[in-house]
C-alpha atoms as a PDB file:
ATOM      1  CA  MET A   1      21.199  78.083  96.644  1.00  0.00           C
ATOM      2  CA  ASP A   2      21.399  75.783  93.582  1.00  0.00           C
ATOM      3  CA  THR A   3      21.032  72.506  95.516  1.00  0.00           C
ATOM      4  CA  THR A   4      21.537  70.423  92.445  1.00  0.00           C
ATOM      5  CA  ALA A   5      24.880  71.981  91.887  1.00  0.00           C
ATOM      6  CA  LEU A   6      25.826  71.576  95.521  1.00  0.00           C
ATOM      7  CA  ALA A   7      24.811  67.927  95.544  1.00  0.00           C
ATOM      8  CA  ASN A   8      26.883  67.184  92.509  1.00  0.00           C
ATOM      9  CA  LEU A   9      29.749  69.165  93.933  1.00  0.00           C
ATOM     10  CA  LEU A  10      29.799  67.102  97.105  1.00  0.00           C
ATOM     11  CA  PHE A  11      28.908  63.759  95.629  1.00  0.00           C
ATOM     12  CA  PRO A  12      30.080  63.687  92.024  1.00  0.00           C
ATOM     13  CA  ASP A  13      30.489  59.865  91.911  1.00  0.00           C
ATOM     14  CA  ILE A  14      27.044  59.056  93.280  1.00  0.00           C
ATOM     15  CA  THR A  15      24.700  58.202  90.430  1.00  0.00           C
ATOM     16  CA  LYS A  16      22.173  55.891  92.228  1.00  0.00           C
ATOM     17  CA  THR A  17      18.948  57.244  93.665  1.00  0.00           C
ATOM     18  CA  ILE A  18      16.846  56.179  96.662  1.00  0.00           C
ATOM     19  CA  GLU A  19      14.465  54.720  94.224  1.00  0.00           C
ATOM     20  CA  ASP A  20      17.176  52.420  92.944  1.00  0.00           C
ATOM     21  CA  TYR A  21      17.773  51.085  96.524  1.00  0.00           C
ATOM     22  CA  GLU A  22      14.016  50.605  97.043  1.00  0.00           C
ATOM     23  CA  THR A  23      14.188  48.188  94.048  1.00  0.00           C
ATOM     24  CA  ILE A  24      17.435  46.492  95.347  1.00  0.00           C
ATOM     25  CA  TYR A  25      15.836  45.936  98.759  1.00  0.00           C
ATOM     26  CA  PRO A  26      12.066  45.383  98.237  1.00  0.00           C
ATOM     27  CA  PRO A  27       9.679  44.814 101.156  1.00  0.00           C
ATOM     28  CA  ARG A  28      10.085  41.486 102.529  1.00  0.00           C
ATOM     29  CA  ASP A  29       7.558  38.705 101.575  1.00  0.00           C
ATOM     30  CA  LEU A  30       6.596  37.596 105.020  1.00  0.00           C
ATOM     31  CA  PRO A  31       3.387  36.724 106.874  1.00  0.00           C
ATOM     32  CA  GLU A  32       1.323  39.564 108.268  1.00  0.00           C
ATOM     33  CA  GLY A  33       2.556  40.641 111.656  1.00  0.00           C
ATOM     34  CA  ALA A  34       6.009  39.090 111.217  1.00  0.00           C
ATOM     35  CA  VAL A  35       8.693  40.784 113.168  1.00  0.00           C
ATOM     36  CA  VAL A  36      12.027  41.631 111.530  1.00  0.00           C
ATOM     37  CA  THR A  37      14.584  42.670 113.931  1.00  0.00           C
ATOM     38  CA  ARG A  38      18.370  42.496 114.645  1.00  0.00           C
ATOM     39  CA  ILE A  39      21.285  43.013 116.978  1.00  0.00           C
ATOM     40  CA  ALA A  40      23.928  45.395 115.671  1.00  0.00           C
ATOM     41  CA  PRO A  41      26.966  45.228 117.912  1.00  0.00           C
ATOM     42  CA  SER A  42      30.311  47.014 117.242  1.00  0.00           C
ATOM     43  CA  PRO A  43      33.245  44.669 116.714  1.00  0.00           C
ATOM     44  CA  THR A  44      35.063  45.476 119.819  1.00  0.00           C
ATOM     45  CA  GLY A  45      36.083  42.082 120.845  1.00  0.00           C
ATOM     46  CA  PHE A  46      33.694  41.104 123.586  1.00  0.00           C
ATOM     47  CA  VAL A  47      29.968  40.204 124.083  1.00  0.00           C
ATOM     48  CA  HIS A  48      28.309  41.816 127.132  1.00  0.00           C
ATOM     49  CA  LEU A  49      25.128  40.716 128.807  1.00  0.00           C
ATOM     50  CA  GLY A  50      23.251  43.629 127.174  1.00  0.00           C
ATOM     51  CA  ASN A  51      23.791  42.135 123.736  1.00  0.00           C
ATOM     52  CA  LEU A  52      22.147  38.956 124.885  1.00  0.00           C
ATOM     53  CA  TYR A  53      19.347  40.688 126.709  1.00  0.00           C
ATOM     54  CA  ASN A  54      18.365  42.477 123.585  1.00  0.00           C
ATOM     55  CA  ALA A  55      18.591  39.371 121.576  1.00  0.00           C
ATOM     56  CA  ILE A  56      15.095  38.684 122.822  1.00  0.00           C
ATOM     57  CA  GLY A  57      14.141  39.887 119.374  1.00  0.00           C
ATOM     58  CA  GLU A  58      15.173  36.499 118.009  1.00  0.00           C
ATOM     59  CA  ARG A  59      12.247  34.856 119.923  1.00  0.00           C
ATOM     60  CA  LEU A  60       9.823  37.641 118.737  1.00  0.00           C
ATOM     61  CA  ALA A  61      10.968  37.151 115.058  1.00  0.00           C
ATOM     62  CA  HIS A  62      10.863  33.314 115.066  1.00  0.00           C
ATOM     63  CA  GLN A  63       7.466  33.194 116.875  1.00  0.00           C
ATOM     64  CA  THR A  64       5.837  35.370 114.212  1.00  0.00           C
ATOM     65  CA  GLY A  65       7.509  33.942 111.185  1.00  0.00           C
ATOM     66  CA  GLY A  66       9.823  36.832 110.833  1.00  0.00           C
ATOM     67  CA  VAL A  67      13.604  37.403 110.538  1.00  0.00           C
ATOM     68  CA  PHE A  68      16.443  37.913 113.073  1.00  0.00           C
ATOM     69  CA  TYR A  69      19.659  39.089 111.571  1.00  0.00           C
ATOM     70  CA  LEU A  70      23.182  40.266 112.588  1.00  0.00           C
ATOM     71  CA  ARG A  71      24.422  43.630 111.395  1.00  0.00           C
ATOM     72  CA  ILE A  72      27.924  44.814 112.277  1.00  0.00           C
ATOM     73  CA  GLU A  73      28.345  48.486 113.074  1.00  0.00           C
ATOM     74  CA  ASP A  74      32.017  48.906 112.166  1.00  0.00           C
ATOM     75  CA  THR A  75      32.071  52.623 111.286  1.00  0.00           C
ATOM     76  CA  ASP A  76      34.680  53.172 114.019  1.00  0.00           C
ATOM     77  CA  GLN A  77      37.711  51.192 112.782  1.00  0.00           C
ATOM     78  CA  LYS A  78      39.858  52.365 115.653  1.00  0.00           C
ATOM     79  CA  ARG A  79      37.983  50.266 118.128  1.00  0.00           C
ATOM     80  CA  GLU A  80      37.647  47.164 115.835  1.00  0.00           C
ATOM     81  CA  VAL A  81      39.141  43.907 117.216  1.00  0.00           C
ATOM     82  CA  GLU A  82      40.015  40.927 115.019  1.00  0.00           C
ATOM     83  CA  GLY A  83      37.818  37.974 115.579  1.00  0.00           C
ATOM     84  CA  ALA A  84      34.927  40.059 117.224  1.00  0.00           C
ATOM     85  CA  VAL A  85      32.306  38.894 114.777  1.00  0.00           C
ATOM     86  CA  GLU A  86      33.046  35.259 115.486  1.00  0.00           C
ATOM     87  CA  ALA A  87      32.889  35.955 119.177  1.00  0.00           C
ATOM     88  CA  VAL A  88      29.377  37.522 118.879  1.00  0.00           C
ATOM     89  CA  ILE A  89      28.179  34.532 116.790  1.00  0.00           C
ATOM     90  CA  ASP A  90      29.738  31.980 119.097  1.00  0.00           C
ATOM     91  CA  ALA A  91      28.257  33.575 122.243  1.00  0.00           C
ATOM     92  CA  MET A  92      24.809  33.857 120.713  1.00  0.00           C
ATOM     93  CA  THR A  93      24.927  30.175 119.451  1.00  0.00           C
ATOM     94  CA  PHE A  94      25.968  29.044 122.977  1.00  0.00           C
ATOM     95  CA  TYR A  95      22.830  30.543 124.393  1.00  0.00           C
ATOM     96  CA  GLY A  96      20.553  29.251 121.753  1.00  0.00           C
ATOM     97  CA  VAL A  97      20.269  32.443 119.736  1.00  0.00           C
ATOM     98  CA  HIS A  98      20.378  31.874 116.036  1.00  0.00           C
ATOM     99  CA  PHE A  99      20.510  34.309 113.090  1.00  0.00           C
ATOM    100  CA  ASP A 100      18.564  33.848 109.920  1.00  0.00           C
ATOM    101  CA  GLU A 101      20.848  36.208 107.947  1.00  0.00           C
ATOM    102  CA  GLY A 102      23.570  38.733 108.288  1.00  0.00           C
ATOM    103  CA  ALA A 103      27.327  38.835 108.889  1.00  0.00           C
ATOM    104  CA  THR A 104      29.056  35.474 109.362  1.00  0.00           C
ATOM    105  CA  ALA A 105      32.631  34.707 110.454  1.00  0.00           C
ATOM    106  CA  ASP A 106      33.913  34.542 106.846  1.00  0.00           C
ATOM    107  CA  GLY A 107      31.351  36.732 105.052  1.00  0.00           C
ATOM    108  CA  GLU A 108      27.590  37.086 105.061  1.00  0.00           C
ATOM    109  CA  THR A 109      24.267  35.395 104.102  1.00  0.00           C
ATOM    110  CA  GLY A 110      21.112  37.074 103.036  1.00  0.00           C
ATOM    111  CA  ALA A 111      19.595  39.398 100.366  1.00  0.00           C
ATOM    112  CA  TYR A 112      19.588  42.560 102.291  1.00  0.00           C
ATOM    113  CA  GLY A 113      23.370  43.095 102.754  1.00  0.00           C
ATOM    114  CA  PRO A 114      26.097  44.062 102.949  1.00  0.00           C
ATOM    115  CA  TYR A 115      25.631  43.560 106.723  1.00  0.00           C
ATOM    116  CA  ARG A 116      28.842  45.533 107.591  1.00  0.00           C
ATOM    117  CA  GLN A 117      28.245  49.262 107.609  1.00  0.00           C
ATOM    118  CA  ARG A 118      31.566  50.218 106.108  1.00  0.00           C
ATOM    119  CA  GLN A 119      30.523  48.237 103.004  1.00  0.00           C
ATOM    120  CA  ARG A 120      27.402  50.343 102.615  1.00  0.00           C
ATOM    121  CA  LYS A 121      28.959  53.609 102.133  1.00  0.00           C
ATOM    122  CA  GLU A 122      27.567  54.292  98.628  1.00  0.00           C
ATOM    123  CA  LEU A 123      24.089  53.695  99.974  1.00  0.00           C
ATOM    124  CA  TYR A 124      24.509  56.241 102.831  1.00  0.00           C
ATOM    125  CA  GLN A 125      25.957  58.846 100.451  1.00  0.00           C
ATOM    126  CA  THR A 126      23.039  58.270  98.003  1.00  0.00           C
ATOM    127  CA  VAL A 127      20.530  59.166 100.830  1.00  0.00           C
ATOM    128  CA  ALA A 128      22.770  61.995 101.899  1.00  0.00           C
ATOM    129  CA  LYS A 129      22.847  63.417  98.378  1.00  0.00           C
ATOM    130  CA  SER A 130      19.108  63.256  98.110  1.00  0.00           C
ATOM    131  CA  LEU A 131      18.865  65.372 101.359  1.00  0.00           C
ATOM    132  CA  VAL A 132      21.198  67.932  99.848  1.00  0.00           C
ATOM    133  CA  LEU A 133      19.112  68.041  96.750  1.00  0.00           C
ATOM    134  CA  ARG A 134      16.072  68.832  98.853  1.00  0.00           C
ATOM    135  CA  GLY A 135      17.886  71.554 100.786  1.00  0.00           C
ATOM    136  CA  LEU A 136      17.893  69.435 103.925  1.00  0.00           C
ATOM    137  CA  ALA A 137      21.635  68.900 104.352  1.00  0.00           C
ATOM    138  CA  TYR A 138      24.725  71.010 103.943  1.00  0.00           C
ATOM    139  CA  PRO A 139      28.564  70.852 104.372  1.00  0.00           C
ATOM    140  CA  CYS A 140      30.137  72.276 107.554  1.00  0.00           C
ATOM    141  CA  PHE A 141      33.842  73.250 107.600  1.00  0.00           C
ATOM    142  CA  CYS A 142      34.014  74.023 111.322  1.00  0.00           C
ATOM    143  CA  THR A 143      37.225  73.018 113.076  1.00  0.00           C
ATOM    144  CA  GLU A 144      37.428  71.455 116.494  1.00  0.00           C
ATOM    145  CA  ASP A 145      38.398  74.905 117.822  1.00  0.00           C
ATOM    146  CA  ASP A 146      35.414  76.519 116.221  1.00  0.00           C
ATOM    147  CA  LEU A 147      33.110  74.037 117.901  1.00  0.00           C
ATOM    148  CA  LYS A 148      34.881  74.404 121.267  1.00  0.00           C
ATOM    149  CA  ALA A 149      34.507  78.150 121.123  1.00  0.00           C
ATOM    150  CA  MET A 150      30.879  77.839 120.321  1.00  0.00           C
ATOM    151  CA  HIS A 151      30.411  75.440 123.318  1.00  0.00           C
ATOM    152  CA  GLU A 152      32.144  77.903 125.594  1.00  0.00           C
ATOM    153  CA  GLN A 153      29.951  80.780 124.330  1.00  0.00           C
ATOM    154  CA  GLN A 154      26.781  78.765 124.930  1.00  0.00           C
ATOM    155  CA  GLU A 155      27.984  77.780 128.384  1.00  0.00           C
ATOM    156  CA  ALA A 156      28.678  81.372 129.279  1.00  0.00           C
ATOM    157  CA  ALA A 157      25.268  82.537 127.939  1.00  0.00           C
ATOM    158  CA  LYS A 158      23.544  79.570 129.743  1.00  0.00           C
ATOM    159  CA  GLU A 159      22.170  78.493 126.485  1.00  0.00           C
ATOM    160  CA  ASN A 160      21.442  74.910 125.154  1.00  0.00           C
ATOM    161  CA  TYR A 161      24.453  73.199 123.638  1.00  0.00           C
ATOM    162  CA  GLY A 162      24.511  72.218 120.062  1.00  0.00           C
ATOM    163  CA  TYR A 163      24.764  73.367 116.504  1.00  0.00           C
ATOM    164  CA  TYR A 164      21.719  75.382 115.775  1.00  0.00           C
ATOM    165  CA  GLY A 165      20.365  78.870 115.089  1.00  0.00           C
ATOM    166  CA  LYS A 166      22.977  81.572 115.203  1.00  0.00           C
ATOM    167  CA  TYR A 167      25.542  78.896 116.108  1.00  0.00           C
ATOM    168  CA  ALA A 168      25.064  76.988 112.886  1.00  0.00           C
ATOM    169  CA  LEU A 169      27.869  78.894 111.124  1.00  0.00           C
ATOM    170  CA  TRP A 170      27.634  77.083 107.777  1.00  0.00           C
ATOM    171  CA  ARG A 171      23.931  76.622 107.497  1.00  0.00           C
ATOM    172  CA  ASP A 172      23.331  79.470 105.062  1.00  0.00           C
ATOM    173  CA  ARG A 173      26.710  79.930 103.477  1.00  0.00           C
ATOM    174  CA  SER A 174      26.871  80.395  99.594  1.00  0.00           C
ATOM    175  CA  ILE A 175      27.959  77.798  97.197  1.00  0.00           C
ATOM    176  CA  GLU A 176      30.931  80.062  96.371  1.00  0.00           C
ATOM    177  CA  ASP A 177      32.078  79.843 100.056  1.00  0.00           C
ATOM    178  CA  ILE A 178      31.643  76.112 100.000  1.00  0.00           C
ATOM    179  CA  ARG A 179      33.551  75.670  96.800  1.00  0.00           C
ATOM    180  CA  ALA A 180      36.396  77.845  98.029  1.00  0.00           C
ATOM    181  CA  GLU A 181      36.849  75.590 101.066  1.00  0.00           C
ATOM    182  CA  LEU A 182      36.632  72.414  98.951  1.00  0.00           C
ATOM    183  CA  ASP A 183      39.318  73.837  96.574  1.00  0.00           C
ATOM    184  CA  LYS A 184      41.622  74.355  99.573  1.00  0.00           C
ATOM    185  CA  GLY A 185      41.070  70.734 100.683  1.00  0.00           C
ATOM    186  CA  THR A 186      39.375  71.747 103.978  1.00  0.00           C
ATOM    187  CA  GLU A 187      37.848  68.718 105.693  1.00  0.00           C
ATOM    188  CA  TRP A 188      34.023  68.828 106.073  1.00  0.00           C
ATOM    189  CA  VAL A 189      31.068  66.942 107.577  1.00  0.00           C
ATOM    190  CA  LEU A 190      27.542  66.837 106.311  1.00  0.00           C
ATOM    191  CA  ARG A 191      24.925  68.292 108.610  1.00  0.00           C
ATOM    192  CA  PHE A 192      21.123  67.728 108.633  1.00  0.00           C
ATOM    193  CA  ARG A 193      19.281  71.098 108.278  1.00  0.00           C
ATOM    194  CA  SER A 194      16.682  70.742 111.065  1.00  0.00           C
ATOM    195  CA  GLU A 195      13.476  72.855 111.167  1.00  0.00           C
ATOM    196  CA  GLY A 196      12.662  71.538 114.551  1.00  0.00           C
ATOM    197  CA  ASN A 197      11.479  73.647 117.489  1.00  0.00           C
ATOM    198  CA  PRO A 198      12.680  72.986 121.055  1.00  0.00           C
ATOM    199  CA  GLU A 199       9.316  74.069 122.358  1.00  0.00           C
ATOM    200  CA  HIS A 200       7.549  71.245 120.387  1.00  0.00           C
ATOM    201  CA  THR A 201       7.254  67.669 121.288  1.00  0.00           C
ATOM    202  CA  VAL A 202       6.937  64.546 119.140  1.00  0.00           C
ATOM    203  CA  GLU A 203       4.797  61.543 119.939  1.00  0.00           C
ATOM    204  CA  VAL A 204       6.409  58.032 119.678  1.00  0.00           C
ATOM    205  CA  GLN A 205       4.753  54.695 120.325  1.00  0.00           C
ATOM    206  CA  ASP A 206       7.226  52.530 122.172  1.00  0.00           C
ATOM    207  CA  GLY A 207       6.598  48.851 122.009  1.00  0.00           C
ATOM    208  CA  ILE A 208       7.420  48.492 125.811  1.00  0.00           C
ATOM    209  CA  ARG A 209       6.821  51.928 127.355  1.00  0.00           C
ATOM    210  CA  GLY A 210       3.708  52.942 125.369  1.00  0.00           C
ATOM    211  CA  THR A 211       3.191  56.523 124.250  1.00  0.00           C
ATOM    212  CA  LEU A 212       6.271  58.657 124.679  1.00  0.00           C
ATOM    213  CA  LYS A 213       6.467  62.481 124.149  1.00  0.00           C
ATOM    214  CA  VAL A 214       9.911  63.678 123.424  1.00  0.00           C
ATOM    215  CA  GLN A 215      11.311  67.077 122.620  1.00  0.00           C
ATOM    216  CA  GLU A 216      11.548  67.759 118.893  1.00  0.00           C
ATOM    217  CA  ASN A 217      15.073  67.788 117.569  1.00  0.00           C
ATOM    218  CA  TYR A 218      16.225  71.308 116.587  1.00  0.00           C
ATOM    219  CA  THR A 219      20.012  70.831 116.242  1.00  0.00           C
ATOM    220  CA  ASP A 220      21.787  70.476 112.860  1.00  0.00           C
ATOM    221  CA  PHE A 221      23.361  67.094 113.744  1.00  0.00           C
ATOM    222  CA  VAL A 222      26.127  65.339 111.622  1.00  0.00           C
ATOM    223  CA  LEU A 223      25.011  62.897 109.071  1.00  0.00           C
ATOM    224  CA  LEU A 224      28.441  62.014 107.453  1.00  0.00           C
ATOM    225  CA  LYS A 225      31.765  62.337 109.119  1.00  0.00           C
ATOM    226  CA  SER A 226      34.740  63.844 107.335  1.00  0.00           C
ATOM    227  CA  ASP A 227      35.829  60.445 105.933  1.00  0.00           C
ATOM    228  CA  GLY A 228      32.379  59.947 104.329  1.00  0.00           C
ATOM    229  CA  ILE A 229      31.354  57.430 106.835  1.00  0.00           C
ATOM    230  CA  PRO A 230      27.929  58.013 108.453  1.00  0.00           C
ATOM    231  CA  THR A 231      27.283  58.725 112.074  1.00  0.00           C
ATOM    232  CA  TYR A 232      25.363  55.949 114.072  1.00  0.00           C
ATOM    233  CA  HIS A 233      22.149  58.029 113.649  1.00  0.00           C
ATOM    234  CA  PHE A 234      22.247  58.285 109.940  1.00  0.00           C
ATOM    235  CA  ALA A 235      23.323  54.746 109.553  1.00  0.00           C
ATOM    236  CA  HIS A 236      20.639  53.291 111.767  1.00  0.00           C
ATOM    237  CA  VAL A 237      17.865  54.970 109.934  1.00  0.00           C
ATOM    238  CA  CYS A 238      19.165  53.986 106.501  1.00  0.00           C
ATOM    239  CA  ASP A 239      19.925  50.435 107.361  1.00  0.00           C
ATOM    240  CA  ASP A 240      16.767  49.735 109.256  1.00  0.00           C
ATOM    241  CA  HIS A 241      14.707  51.107 106.402  1.00  0.00           C
ATOM    242  CA  PHE A 242      16.408  49.235 103.613  1.00  0.00           C
ATOM    243  CA  MET A 243      16.841  46.059 105.645  1.00  0.00           C
ATOM    244  CA  ARG A 244      13.030  46.324 106.333  1.00  0.00           C
ATOM    245  CA  THR A 245      13.408  46.155 110.136  1.00  0.00           C
ATOM    246  CA  THR A 246       9.988  46.368 111.848  1.00  0.00           C
ATOM    247  CA  HIS A 247      11.230  46.480 115.512  1.00  0.00           C
ATOM    248  CA  VAL A 248      14.265  48.074 116.964  1.00  0.00           C
ATOM    249  CA  ILE A 249      15.029  46.658 120.396  1.00  0.00           C
ATOM    250  CA  ARG A 250      17.669  48.580 122.362  1.00  0.00           C
ATOM    251  CA  ASP A 251      18.686  49.888 125.692  1.00  0.00           C
ATOM    252  CA  GLU A 252      16.939  52.860 127.185  1.00  0.00           C
ATOM    253  CA  SER A 253      20.154  54.911 126.970  1.00  0.00           C
ATOM    254  CA  TRP A 254      19.225  55.523 123.372  1.00  0.00           C
ATOM    255  CA  LEU A 255      15.954  57.433 124.312  1.00  0.00           C
ATOM    256  CA  ALA A 256      18.013  60.667 124.259  1.00  0.00           C
ATOM    257  CA  THR A 257      18.640  60.311 120.589  1.00  0.00           C
ATOM    258  CA  LEU A 258      15.179  59.165 119.669  1.00  0.00           C
ATOM    259  CA  PRO A 259      14.125  62.651 118.473  1.00  0.00           C
ATOM    260  CA  ILE A 260      16.887  62.621 115.913  1.00  0.00           C
ATOM    261  CA  HIS A 261      15.986  59.172 114.676  1.00  0.00           C
ATOM    262  CA  VAL A 262      12.195  59.848 114.289  1.00  0.00           C
ATOM    263  CA  GLN A 263      12.933  63.098 112.587  1.00  0.00           C
ATOM    264  CA  LEU A 264      15.051  61.407 109.913  1.00  0.00           C
ATOM    265  CA  PHE A 265      12.443  58.752 109.319  1.00  0.00           C
ATOM    266  CA  ASP A 266       9.746  61.306 108.960  1.00  0.00           C
ATOM    267  CA  ILE A 267      11.618  63.671 106.680  1.00  0.00           C
ATOM    268  CA  LEU A 268      12.662  60.815 104.386  1.00  0.00           C
ATOM    269  CA  GLY A 269       9.084  59.654 104.215  1.00  0.00           C
ATOM    270  CA  TRP A 270       9.902  56.238 105.546  1.00  0.00           C
ATOM    271  CA  GLU A 271       7.656  54.256 108.025  1.00  0.00           C
ATOM    272  CA  ARG A 272       9.248  54.364 111.564  1.00  0.00           C
ATOM    273  CA  PRO A 273       9.999  51.012 113.164  1.00  0.00           C
ATOM    274  CA  VAL A 274       8.528  50.055 116.416  1.00  0.00           C
ATOM    275  CA  TYR A 275      11.045  51.172 119.039  1.00  0.00           C
ATOM    276  CA  CYS A 276      11.261  48.998 122.127  1.00  0.00           C
ATOM    277  CA  HIS A 277      13.595  50.540 124.765  1.00  0.00           C
ATOM    278  CA  THR A 278      14.557  48.062 127.388  1.00  0.00           C
ATOM    279  CA  ALA A 279      15.575  48.812 130.957  1.00  0.00           C
ATOM    280  CA  THR A 280      19.233  49.142 131.733  1.00  0.00           C
ATOM    281  CA  LEU A 281      20.683  45.994 133.315  1.00  0.00           C
ATOM    282  CA  MET A 282      22.359  46.821 136.656  1.00  0.00           C
ATOM    283  CA  LYS A 283      24.667  44.700 138.724  1.00  0.00           C
ATOM    284  CA  MET A 284      23.945  44.233 142.534  1.00  0.00           C
ATOM    285  CA  ASP A 285      26.608  45.109 144.936  1.00  0.00           C
ATOM    286  CA  GLY A 286      26.883  43.553 148.340  1.00  0.00           C
END
């Protein structure tokens, strides 16, 4: 496969490189040991206790001479509620949590923006194009019916669910096949070409839990959706690298996707942030 031809076919308007963005977003000039962290809520209209709980990062950042910022994960416009950003800022301010940079009610402040993900589309596609150039990503034209049939086949065979191995229908298709679908206007997503092995484990140092051993990711997960907007996984890795985040503080429910995130950081040659997975907050009944 001519990966240069494929990359230019998929992303003809992307001219920047990862190196360009490394220049645009240089390492932060902060004291040694300074913590850079954030909260990154979706603008769904309300702030829950978990947002406030994970804002403990504000104390870590300010005690070390670091930075605490607000990033808005607005890739799902269907769920966006007007005034949600203001609600986050107001709630955090009420409880004494203050941002050094990031999204504001009427814009943003800081040198590492945009701080709203939908405004960072070119950056994501630049990184995506670099992966295609390296043979590490490819377009997939599977329909919902295709994926449903695959799931049913895996269920019947008692095999692991996911897009991998013989089920990765577009992983090794020719550029001629791809061009034919593009010419027909068929919608596509961009998938990561994983070389992971489900029998292997990856070691991750968690800032709260210590050494974790997690199963290596082996599925060809989606990087970009059909509208060119990234999935959470891809946006998280790109944003936290270029915003120079040192610590990612989040709920333990994200542990299941940790293999995907560390695989992306490693394949891109970027330093992993320190992941800190907090316990889930539960209400008491009775």
